[in-house]
Amino acid sequence: MVCNQTCLKYKAKLENGVGGVHYALGHKRCQVCSLFINWDGLWCPCCGNRLRTKPRNKKYKQKLRETKGLATYE
């Protein structure tokens, strides 16, 4: 489970005007490679680690709910 730099081909880029919400754009995060990637699978193509599809931070969870138009629970 070591990054072999294959994932750099799939590195996700933010578009202008988007407020840093990678998950709303369908990007996934690999904890081993430490970057967001555009990938359809659940496993990193580089290291084989499970990709994160949702934010862990409360602030970014709320931001994702707002961009997707989901109800907020407080």
N, C-alpha and C. Protein backbone atom coordinates (compact mmCIF):
# COMPACT_ATOMS: atom_id res chain seq x y z
N MET A 1 0.82 -1.18 0.00
CA MET A 1 0.00 0.00 0.00
C MET A 1 0.87 1.25 0.00
N VAL A 2 1.71 1.33 -0.99
CA VAL A 2 2.57 2.48 -1.16
C VAL A 2 2.22 3.15 -2.47
N CYS A 3 2.20 4.46 -2.47
CA CYS A 3 1.87 5.22 -3.69
C CYS A 3 3.00 5.06 -4.70
N ASN A 4 2.63 4.64 -5.92
CA ASN A 4 3.64 4.50 -6.98
C ASN A 4 3.46 5.54 -8.09
N GLN A 5 2.76 6.64 -7.76
CA GLN A 5 2.59 7.81 -8.63
C GLN A 5 1.72 7.55 -9.86
N THR A 6 1.02 6.42 -9.94
CA THR A 6 0.10 6.16 -11.04
C THR A 6 -1.13 7.07 -10.93
N CYS A 7 -1.49 7.43 -9.73
CA CYS A 7 -2.70 8.21 -9.49
C CYS A 7 -2.59 9.64 -10.02
N LEU A 8 -1.41 10.11 -10.31
CA LEU A 8 -1.25 11.49 -10.80
C LEU A 8 -1.93 11.68 -12.14
N LYS A 9 -2.16 10.61 -12.89
CA LYS A 9 -2.89 10.70 -14.16
C LYS A 9 -4.35 11.05 -13.92
N TYR A 10 -4.87 10.70 -12.74
CA TYR A 10 -6.29 10.90 -12.41
C TYR A 10 -6.51 12.03 -11.44
N LYS A 11 -5.52 12.86 -11.22
CA LYS A 11 -5.62 13.95 -10.25
C LYS A 11 -6.76 14.89 -10.62
N ALA A 12 -7.60 15.22 -9.63
CA ALA A 12 -8.78 16.06 -9.85
C ALA A 12 -8.40 17.53 -9.78
N LYS A 13 -8.99 18.31 -10.67
CA LYS A 13 -8.77 19.75 -10.70
C LYS A 13 -10.10 20.44 -10.45
N LEU A 14 -10.06 21.52 -9.66
CA LEU A 14 -11.27 22.31 -9.40
C LEU A 14 -11.47 23.31 -10.53
N GLU A 15 -12.74 23.51 -10.88
CA GLU A 15 -13.08 24.51 -11.88
C GLU A 15 -13.19 25.87 -11.21
N ASN A 16 -13.09 26.92 -11.97
CA ASN A 16 -13.22 28.27 -11.43
C ASN A 16 -14.63 28.48 -10.91
N GLY A 17 -14.75 29.15 -9.78
CA GLY A 17 -16.05 29.46 -9.20
C GLY A 17 -16.57 28.39 -8.25
N VAL A 18 -15.94 27.24 -8.21
CA VAL A 18 -16.38 26.18 -7.30
C VAL A 18 -15.67 26.39 -5.98
N GLY A 19 -16.43 26.38 -4.89
CA GLY A 19 -15.89 26.72 -3.58
C GLY A 19 -15.17 25.60 -2.87
N GLY A 20 -14.39 24.82 -3.56
CA GLY A 20 -13.58 23.80 -2.91
C GLY A 20 -14.34 22.56 -2.49
N VAL A 21 -15.41 22.25 -3.18
CA VAL A 21 -16.21 21.09 -2.82
C VAL A 21 -15.89 19.97 -3.82
N HIS A 22 -14.82 19.24 -3.56
CA HIS A 22 -14.42 18.16 -4.44
C HIS A 22 -15.48 17.06 -4.48
N TYR A 23 -16.02 16.72 -3.33
CA TYR A 23 -16.95 15.60 -3.25
C TYR A 23 -18.23 15.88 -4.05
N ALA A 24 -18.67 17.13 -4.12
CA ALA A 24 -19.86 17.48 -4.89
C ALA A 24 -19.63 17.29 -6.38
N LEU A 25 -18.38 17.38 -6.81
CA LEU A 25 -18.05 17.18 -8.22
C LEU A 25 -17.78 15.72 -8.55
N GLY A 26 -17.87 14.84 -7.56
CA GLY A 26 -17.66 13.43 -7.80
C GLY A 26 -16.23 12.97 -7.60
N HIS A 27 -15.37 13.84 -7.08
CA HIS A 27 -13.99 13.46 -6.83
C HIS A 27 -13.92 12.60 -5.57
N LYS A 28 -12.89 11.78 -5.48
CA LYS A 28 -12.68 10.93 -4.32
C LYS A 28 -11.28 11.16 -3.79
N ARG A 29 -11.08 10.92 -2.49
CA ARG A 29 -9.80 11.20 -1.85
C ARG A 29 -9.12 9.91 -1.42
N CYS A 30 -7.85 9.81 -1.75
CA CYS A 30 -7.02 8.70 -1.28
C CYS A 30 -6.16 9.21 -0.14
N GLN A 31 -6.22 8.52 1.00
CA GLN A 31 -5.46 8.95 2.17
C GLN A 31 -3.99 8.62 2.03
N VAL A 32 -3.65 7.55 1.33
CA VAL A 32 -2.25 7.17 1.18
C VAL A 32 -1.55 8.11 0.20
N CYS A 33 -2.20 8.39 -0.93
CA CYS A 33 -1.60 9.25 -1.96
C CYS A 33 -1.77 10.74 -1.62
N SER A 34 -2.67 11.06 -0.72
CA SER A 34 -2.94 12.43 -0.26
C SER A 34 -3.37 13.36 -1.38
N LEU A 35 -4.33 12.91 -2.20
CA LEU A 35 -4.87 13.78 -3.23
C LEU A 35 -6.26 13.32 -3.66
N PHE A 36 -6.98 14.25 -4.27
CA PHE A 36 -8.29 13.95 -4.83
C PHE A 36 -8.10 13.45 -6.24
N ILE A 37 -8.87 12.41 -6.61
CA ILE A 37 -8.74 11.85 -7.96
C ILE A 37 -10.12 11.70 -8.60
N ASN A 38 -10.16 11.72 -9.92
CA ASN A 38 -11.35 11.39 -10.69
C ASN A 38 -11.27 9.92 -11.04
N TRP A 39 -12.06 9.11 -10.34
CA TRP A 39 -11.99 7.67 -10.52
C TRP A 39 -13.35 7.09 -10.22
N ASP A 40 -13.81 6.14 -11.02
CA ASP A 40 -15.13 5.57 -10.84
C ASP A 40 -15.18 4.47 -9.79
N GLY A 41 -14.08 3.81 -9.54
CA GLY A 41 -14.05 2.71 -8.58
C GLY A 41 -13.97 3.18 -7.14
N LEU A 42 -14.06 2.22 -6.23
CA LEU A 42 -13.96 2.50 -4.80
C LEU A 42 -12.54 2.36 -4.27
N TRP A 43 -11.65 1.81 -5.08
CA TRP A 43 -10.28 1.56 -4.66
C TRP A 43 -9.33 2.38 -5.50
N CYS A 44 -8.27 2.88 -4.90
CA CYS A 44 -7.29 3.71 -5.60
C CYS A 44 -6.58 2.88 -6.67
N PRO A 45 -6.46 3.41 -7.90
CA PRO A 45 -5.79 2.67 -8.96
C PRO A 45 -4.28 2.54 -8.72
N CYS A 46 -3.75 3.32 -7.83
CA CYS A 46 -2.32 3.38 -7.58
C CYS A 46 -1.89 2.45 -6.45
N CYS A 47 -2.48 2.64 -5.28
CA CYS A 47 -2.03 1.91 -4.10
C CYS A 47 -3.00 0.84 -3.63
N GLY A 48 -4.24 0.84 -4.16
CA GLY A 48 -5.23 -0.15 -3.77
C GLY A 48 -5.96 0.17 -2.48
N ASN A 49 -5.77 1.37 -1.94
CA ASN A 49 -6.44 1.78 -0.71
C ASN A 49 -7.88 2.19 -1.01
N ARG A 50 -8.77 2.04 -0.04
CA ARG A 50 -10.16 2.43 -0.19
C ARG A 50 -10.25 3.95 -0.29
N LEU A 51 -11.01 4.45 -1.26
CA LEU A 51 -11.15 5.89 -1.46
C LEU A 51 -12.27 6.45 -0.59
N ARG A 52 -12.08 7.66 -0.11
CA ARG A 52 -13.08 8.34 0.69
C ARG A 52 -14.01 9.10 -0.26
N THR A 53 -15.33 8.92 -0.10
CA THR A 53 -16.30 9.55 -0.98
C THR A 53 -17.10 10.66 -0.31
N LYS A 54 -16.94 10.79 1.01
CA LYS A 54 -17.65 11.82 1.77
C LYS A 54 -16.66 12.55 2.66
N PRO A 55 -16.91 13.83 2.95
CA PRO A 55 -16.02 14.57 3.84
C PRO A 55 -16.15 14.09 5.29
N ARG A 56 -15.09 14.26 6.04
CA ARG A 56 -15.09 13.87 7.45
C ARG A 56 -15.38 15.05 8.36
N ASN A 57 -15.08 16.26 7.91
CA ASN A 57 -15.23 17.46 8.71
C ASN A 57 -16.68 17.93 8.68
N LYS A 58 -17.19 18.37 9.82
CA LYS A 58 -18.58 18.82 9.93
C LYS A 58 -18.87 20.00 9.00
N LYS A 59 -17.92 20.91 8.90
CA LYS A 59 -18.10 22.10 8.05
C LYS A 59 -18.26 21.70 6.59
N TYR A 60 -17.45 20.77 6.13
CA TYR A 60 -17.51 20.36 4.73
C TYR A 60 -18.68 19.43 4.44
N LYS A 61 -19.14 18.70 5.46
CA LYS A 61 -20.36 17.92 5.30
C LYS A 61 -21.55 18.84 5.06
N GLN A 62 -21.60 19.92 5.83
CA GLN A 62 -22.68 20.90 5.68
C GLN A 62 -22.62 21.55 4.29
N LYS A 63 -21.42 21.88 3.85
CA LYS A 63 -21.24 22.50 2.55
C LYS A 63 -21.69 21.56 1.42
N LEU A 64 -21.41 20.29 1.57
CA LEU A 64 -21.83 19.30 0.58
C LEU A 64 -23.34 19.17 0.53
N ARG A 65 -23.97 19.17 1.71
CA ARG A 65 -25.44 19.12 1.76
C ARG A 65 -26.06 20.31 1.04
N GLU A 66 -25.48 21.49 1.25
CA GLU A 66 -26.02 22.70 0.62
C GLU A 66 -25.87 22.66 -0.89
N THR A 67 -24.76 22.18 -1.38
CA THR A 67 -24.55 22.14 -2.83
C THR A 67 -25.41 21.06 -3.50
N LYS A 68 -25.67 19.97 -2.78
CA LYS A 68 -26.50 18.91 -3.35
C LYS A 68 -27.99 19.17 -3.13
N GLY A 69 -28.32 20.18 -2.31
CA GLY A 69 -29.72 20.53 -2.07
C GLY A 69 -30.41 19.61 -1.11
N LEU A 70 -29.67 18.97 -0.22
CA LEU A 70 -30.27 18.07 0.75
C LEU A 70 -30.67 18.83 1.99
N ALA A 71 -31.57 18.25 2.76
CA ALA A 71 -32.03 18.87 4.00
C ALA A 71 -30.90 18.87 5.03
N THR A 72 -30.89 19.91 5.83
CA THR A 72 -29.87 20.00 6.87
C THR A 72 -30.46 19.55 8.19
N TYR A 73 -29.66 18.83 8.96
CA TYR A 73 -30.09 18.36 10.27
C TYR A 73 -29.15 18.95 11.31
N GLU A 74 -29.74 19.65 12.27
CA GLU A 74 -28.94 20.24 13.34
C GLU A 74 -29.50 19.90 14.67
